[in-house]
Amino acid sequence: MRKLIIPLLLMATVATAMSAAYARHQSRKLFVELQALETARDAMNVEWGQLQLEQSTHTTHGKVEDAARKRLSMHIPTPEQVTILRP
């Protein structure tokens, strides 16, 4: 009986140690992946901020009016060209 228990305990100890090492390895691997994803997220946040800033500069009143004049040949109507409709 004793000859059977000692090898079983030794195998259980080795299996437990290997499981602990594997769990530690997986933990480190996932942590590295998490850091890479956080770096990508930060880069995307920076790009998002730059795009929002760019959009706000393209939609200013002066830019819209300038584009309307140059690309669409639009102009501000004279008072004679304005018609006010009443309900």
N, C-alpha and C. Protein backbone atom coordinates (compact mmCIF):
# COMPACT_ATOMS: atom_id res chain seq x y z
N MET A 1 0.83 -1.20 0.00
CA MET A 1 0.00 0.00 0.00
C MET A 1 0.86 1.26 0.00
N ARG A 2 1.89 1.26 0.86
CA ARG A 2 2.77 2.40 0.96
C ARG A 2 3.56 2.60 -0.33
N LYS A 3 3.90 1.50 -1.00
CA LYS A 3 4.64 1.59 -2.26
C LYS A 3 3.79 2.25 -3.34
N LEU A 4 2.50 2.20 -3.23
CA LEU A 4 1.60 2.78 -4.21
C LEU A 4 1.30 4.26 -3.90
N ILE A 5 1.25 4.62 -2.63
CA ILE A 5 0.88 5.99 -2.25
C ILE A 5 1.99 6.98 -2.58
N ILE A 6 3.23 6.64 -2.32
CA ILE A 6 4.34 7.58 -2.55
C ILE A 6 4.46 7.95 -4.03
N PRO A 7 4.45 7.01 -4.97
CA PRO A 7 4.49 7.42 -6.39
C PRO A 7 3.27 8.24 -6.81
N LEU A 8 2.10 7.92 -6.27
CA LEU A 8 0.91 8.71 -6.59
C LEU A 8 1.04 10.14 -6.07
N LEU A 9 1.53 10.30 -4.87
CA LEU A 9 1.74 11.65 -4.33
C LEU A 9 2.80 12.40 -5.13
N LEU A 10 3.84 11.71 -5.54
CA LEU A 10 4.89 12.34 -6.35
C LEU A 10 4.31 12.80 -7.70
N MET A 11 3.50 11.95 -8.33
CA MET A 11 2.88 12.31 -9.60
C MET A 11 1.91 13.49 -9.43
N ALA A 12 1.16 13.47 -8.33
CA ALA A 12 0.24 14.57 -8.07
C ALA A 12 0.99 15.88 -7.85
N THR A 13 2.12 15.80 -7.15
CA THR A 13 2.94 16.99 -6.91
C THR A 13 3.50 17.54 -8.21
N VAL A 14 4.01 16.66 -9.06
CA VAL A 14 4.57 17.09 -10.35
C VAL A 14 3.46 17.69 -11.23
N ALA A 15 2.30 17.06 -11.25
CA ALA A 15 1.18 17.57 -12.05
C ALA A 15 0.74 18.94 -11.54
N THR A 16 0.69 19.12 -10.24
CA THR A 16 0.31 20.40 -9.67
C THR A 16 1.33 21.48 -10.02
N ALA A 17 2.61 21.15 -9.94
CA ALA A 17 3.67 22.10 -10.28
C ALA A 17 3.59 22.48 -11.76
N MET A 18 3.36 21.51 -12.62
CA MET A 18 3.26 21.81 -14.05
C MET A 18 2.02 22.66 -14.35
N SER A 19 0.93 22.38 -13.67
CA SER A 19 -0.28 23.17 -13.85
C SER A 19 -0.06 24.61 -13.40
N ALA A 20 0.64 24.79 -12.30
CA ALA A 20 0.94 26.14 -11.82
C ALA A 20 1.82 26.90 -12.81
N ALA A 21 2.82 26.21 -13.36
CA ALA A 21 3.71 26.85 -14.34
C ALA A 21 2.92 27.21 -15.61
N TYR A 22 2.05 26.33 -16.05
CA TYR A 22 1.24 26.60 -17.24
C TYR A 22 0.31 27.79 -17.00
N ALA A 23 -0.31 27.83 -15.84
CA ALA A 23 -1.21 28.94 -15.51
C ALA A 23 -0.45 30.26 -15.48
N ARG A 24 0.75 30.24 -14.93
CA ARG A 24 1.58 31.46 -14.89
C ARG A 24 1.96 31.90 -16.30
N HIS A 25 2.30 30.94 -17.14
CA HIS A 25 2.66 31.25 -18.53
C HIS A 25 1.46 31.87 -19.26
N GLN A 26 0.29 31.27 -19.11
CA GLN A 26 -0.92 31.80 -19.74
C GLN A 26 -1.22 33.21 -19.23
N SER A 27 -1.05 33.42 -17.95
CA SER A 27 -1.29 34.73 -17.36
C SER A 27 -0.38 35.78 -17.97
N ARG A 28 0.89 35.47 -18.10
CA ARG A 28 1.83 36.42 -18.71
C ARG A 28 1.52 36.67 -20.17
N LYS A 29 1.16 35.61 -20.88
CA LYS A 29 0.81 35.73 -22.30
C LYS A 29 -0.40 36.65 -22.48
N LEU A 30 -1.42 36.45 -21.65
CA LEU A 30 -2.61 37.29 -21.73
C LEU A 30 -2.32 38.74 -21.32
N PHE A 31 -1.41 38.92 -20.37
CA PHE A 31 -1.05 40.28 -19.96
C PHE A 31 -0.35 41.01 -21.10
N VAL A 32 0.52 40.33 -21.82
CA VAL A 32 1.20 40.94 -22.96
C VAL A 32 0.17 41.32 -24.03
N GLU A 33 -0.79 40.44 -24.27
CA GLU A 33 -1.85 40.74 -25.24
C GLU A 33 -2.68 41.94 -24.79
N LEU A 34 -2.98 42.00 -23.51
CA LEU A 34 -3.73 43.13 -22.96
C LEU A 34 -2.97 44.44 -23.17
N GLN A 35 -1.68 44.43 -22.92
CA GLN A 35 -0.89 45.65 -23.12
C GLN A 35 -0.89 46.08 -24.58
N ALA A 36 -0.79 45.12 -25.48
CA ALA A 36 -0.81 45.45 -26.92
C ALA A 36 -2.16 46.05 -27.30
N LEU A 37 -3.24 45.49 -26.78
CA LEU A 37 -4.57 46.02 -27.09
C LEU A 37 -4.76 47.42 -26.50
N GLU A 38 -4.23 47.65 -25.32
CA GLU A 38 -4.33 48.99 -24.71
C GLU A 38 -3.54 50.00 -25.52
N THR A 39 -2.39 49.60 -26.04
CA THR A 39 -1.59 50.50 -26.87
C THR A 39 -2.35 50.84 -28.15
N ALA A 40 -2.98 49.83 -28.76
CA ALA A 40 -3.77 50.07 -29.97
C ALA A 40 -4.96 50.98 -29.65
N ARG A 41 -5.61 50.76 -28.50
CA ARG A 41 -6.73 51.61 -28.10
C ARG A 41 -6.29 53.05 -27.94
N ASP A 42 -5.14 53.26 -27.30
CA ASP A 42 -4.64 54.62 -27.10
C ASP A 42 -4.35 55.30 -28.43
N ALA A 43 -3.77 54.54 -29.37
CA ALA A 43 -3.49 55.11 -30.70
C ALA A 43 -4.77 55.47 -31.41
N MET A 44 -5.79 54.63 -31.28
CA MET A 44 -7.08 54.92 -31.91
C MET A 44 -7.74 56.14 -31.27
N ASN A 45 -7.60 56.30 -29.96
CA ASN A 45 -8.15 57.48 -29.29
C ASN A 45 -7.48 58.76 -29.78
N VAL A 46 -6.17 58.70 -29.99
CA VAL A 46 -5.45 59.86 -30.51
C VAL A 46 -5.94 60.18 -31.92
N GLU A 47 -6.07 59.15 -32.76
CA GLU A 47 -6.54 59.36 -34.12
C GLU A 47 -7.97 59.90 -34.13
N TRP A 48 -8.82 59.39 -33.25
CA TRP A 48 -10.21 59.87 -33.14
C TRP A 48 -10.23 61.36 -32.78
N GLY A 49 -9.39 61.75 -31.84
CA GLY A 49 -9.32 63.16 -31.47
C GLY A 49 -8.87 64.03 -32.63
N GLN A 50 -7.89 63.54 -33.39
CA GLN A 50 -7.42 64.30 -34.55
C GLN A 50 -8.50 64.41 -35.61
N LEU A 51 -9.26 63.33 -35.82
CA LEU A 51 -10.35 63.38 -36.81
C LEU A 51 -11.46 64.33 -36.37
N GLN A 52 -11.76 64.34 -35.08
CA GLN A 52 -12.78 65.27 -34.60
C GLN A 52 -12.33 66.72 -34.78
N LEU A 53 -11.06 66.97 -34.50
CA LEU A 53 -10.53 68.32 -34.69
C LEU A 53 -10.56 68.71 -36.16
N GLU A 54 -10.19 67.79 -37.03
CA GLU A 54 -10.22 68.05 -38.46
C GLU A 54 -11.65 68.32 -38.93
N GLN A 55 -12.60 67.53 -38.43
CA GLN A 55 -13.99 67.72 -38.82
C GLN A 55 -14.50 69.08 -38.35
N SER A 56 -14.12 69.49 -37.16
CA SER A 56 -14.60 70.78 -36.66
C SER A 56 -14.02 71.94 -37.47
N THR A 57 -12.81 71.78 -37.99
CA THR A 57 -12.24 72.86 -38.81
C THR A 57 -12.88 72.89 -40.19
N HIS A 58 -13.32 71.72 -40.69
CA HIS A 58 -13.95 71.69 -42.02
C HIS A 58 -15.39 72.19 -41.99
N THR A 59 -16.00 72.20 -40.83
CA THR A 59 -17.40 72.61 -40.76
C THR A 59 -17.59 74.00 -40.19
N THR A 60 -16.52 74.79 -40.12
CA THR A 60 -16.69 76.16 -39.65
C THR A 60 -17.46 76.94 -40.72
N HIS A 61 -18.11 78.01 -40.29
CA HIS A 61 -18.95 78.80 -41.19
C HIS A 61 -18.15 79.32 -42.38
N GLY A 62 -16.95 79.79 -42.14
CA GLY A 62 -16.12 80.33 -43.22
C GLY A 62 -15.77 79.28 -44.26
N LYS A 63 -15.44 78.08 -43.82
CA LYS A 63 -15.08 77.01 -44.75
C LYS A 63 -16.28 76.60 -45.61
N VAL A 64 -17.45 76.50 -44.98
CA VAL A 64 -18.65 76.12 -45.71
C VAL A 64 -19.01 77.19 -46.73
N GLU A 65 -18.94 78.44 -46.30
CA GLU A 65 -19.27 79.54 -47.22
C GLU A 65 -18.27 79.60 -48.37
N ASP A 66 -17.01 79.41 -48.07
CA ASP A 66 -15.97 79.43 -49.10
C ASP A 66 -16.20 78.31 -50.11
N ALA A 67 -16.52 77.10 -49.62
CA ALA A 67 -16.78 75.98 -50.52
C ALA A 67 -18.02 76.24 -51.36
N ALA A 68 -19.04 76.85 -50.77
CA ALA A 68 -20.27 77.15 -51.52
C ALA A 68 -19.99 78.15 -52.64
N ARG A 69 -19.16 79.12 -52.37
CA ARG A 69 -18.84 80.13 -53.39
C ARG A 69 -17.99 79.52 -54.51
N LYS A 70 -16.94 78.80 -54.15
CA LYS A 70 -15.98 78.32 -55.15
C LYS A 70 -16.49 77.09 -55.91
N ARG A 71 -16.93 76.08 -55.20
CA ARG A 71 -17.27 74.81 -55.86
C ARG A 71 -18.69 74.80 -56.42
N LEU A 72 -19.60 75.50 -55.78
CA LEU A 72 -20.99 75.46 -56.21
C LEU A 72 -21.45 76.76 -56.86
N SER A 73 -20.56 77.74 -56.94
CA SER A 73 -20.87 79.05 -57.53
C SER A 73 -22.09 79.67 -56.88
N MET A 74 -22.22 79.54 -55.58
CA MET A 74 -23.35 80.13 -54.86
C MET A 74 -22.97 81.52 -54.37
N HIS A 75 -23.96 82.34 -54.09
CA HIS A 75 -23.73 83.68 -53.57
C HIS A 75 -24.87 84.05 -52.62
N ILE A 76 -24.65 85.07 -51.83
CA ILE A 76 -25.68 85.56 -50.91
C ILE A 76 -26.68 86.37 -51.75
N PRO A 77 -27.97 86.08 -51.63
CA PRO A 77 -28.95 86.79 -52.46
C PRO A 77 -29.08 88.26 -52.02
N THR A 78 -29.42 89.07 -52.97
CA THR A 78 -29.66 90.48 -52.66
C THR A 78 -31.04 90.60 -52.03
N PRO A 79 -31.33 91.71 -51.36
CA PRO A 79 -32.66 91.87 -50.76
C PRO A 79 -33.79 91.76 -51.78
N GLU A 80 -33.56 92.13 -53.03
CA GLU A 80 -34.59 92.04 -54.06
C GLU A 80 -34.89 90.58 -54.42
N GLN A 81 -33.92 89.71 -54.25
CA GLN A 81 -34.09 88.30 -54.59
C GLN A 81 -34.73 87.49 -53.46
N VAL A 82 -34.86 88.09 -52.30
CA VAL A 82 -35.42 87.38 -51.14
C VAL A 82 -36.93 87.54 -51.12
N THR A 83 -37.63 86.45 -50.97
CA THR A 83 -39.10 86.46 -50.87
C THR A 83 -39.48 85.87 -49.52
N ILE A 84 -40.27 86.60 -48.77
CA ILE A 84 -40.73 86.10 -47.47
C ILE A 84 -42.14 85.58 -47.63
N LEU A 85 -42.35 84.35 -47.23
CA LEU A 85 -43.66 83.72 -47.34
C LEU A 85 -44.31 83.69 -45.96
N ARG A 86 -45.55 84.04 -45.92
CA ARG A 86 -46.29 84.02 -44.66
C ARG A 86 -47.24 82.82 -44.68
N PRO A 87 -47.43 82.16 -43.55
CA PRO A 87 -48.33 80.99 -43.50
C PRO A 87 -49.78 81.38 -43.67
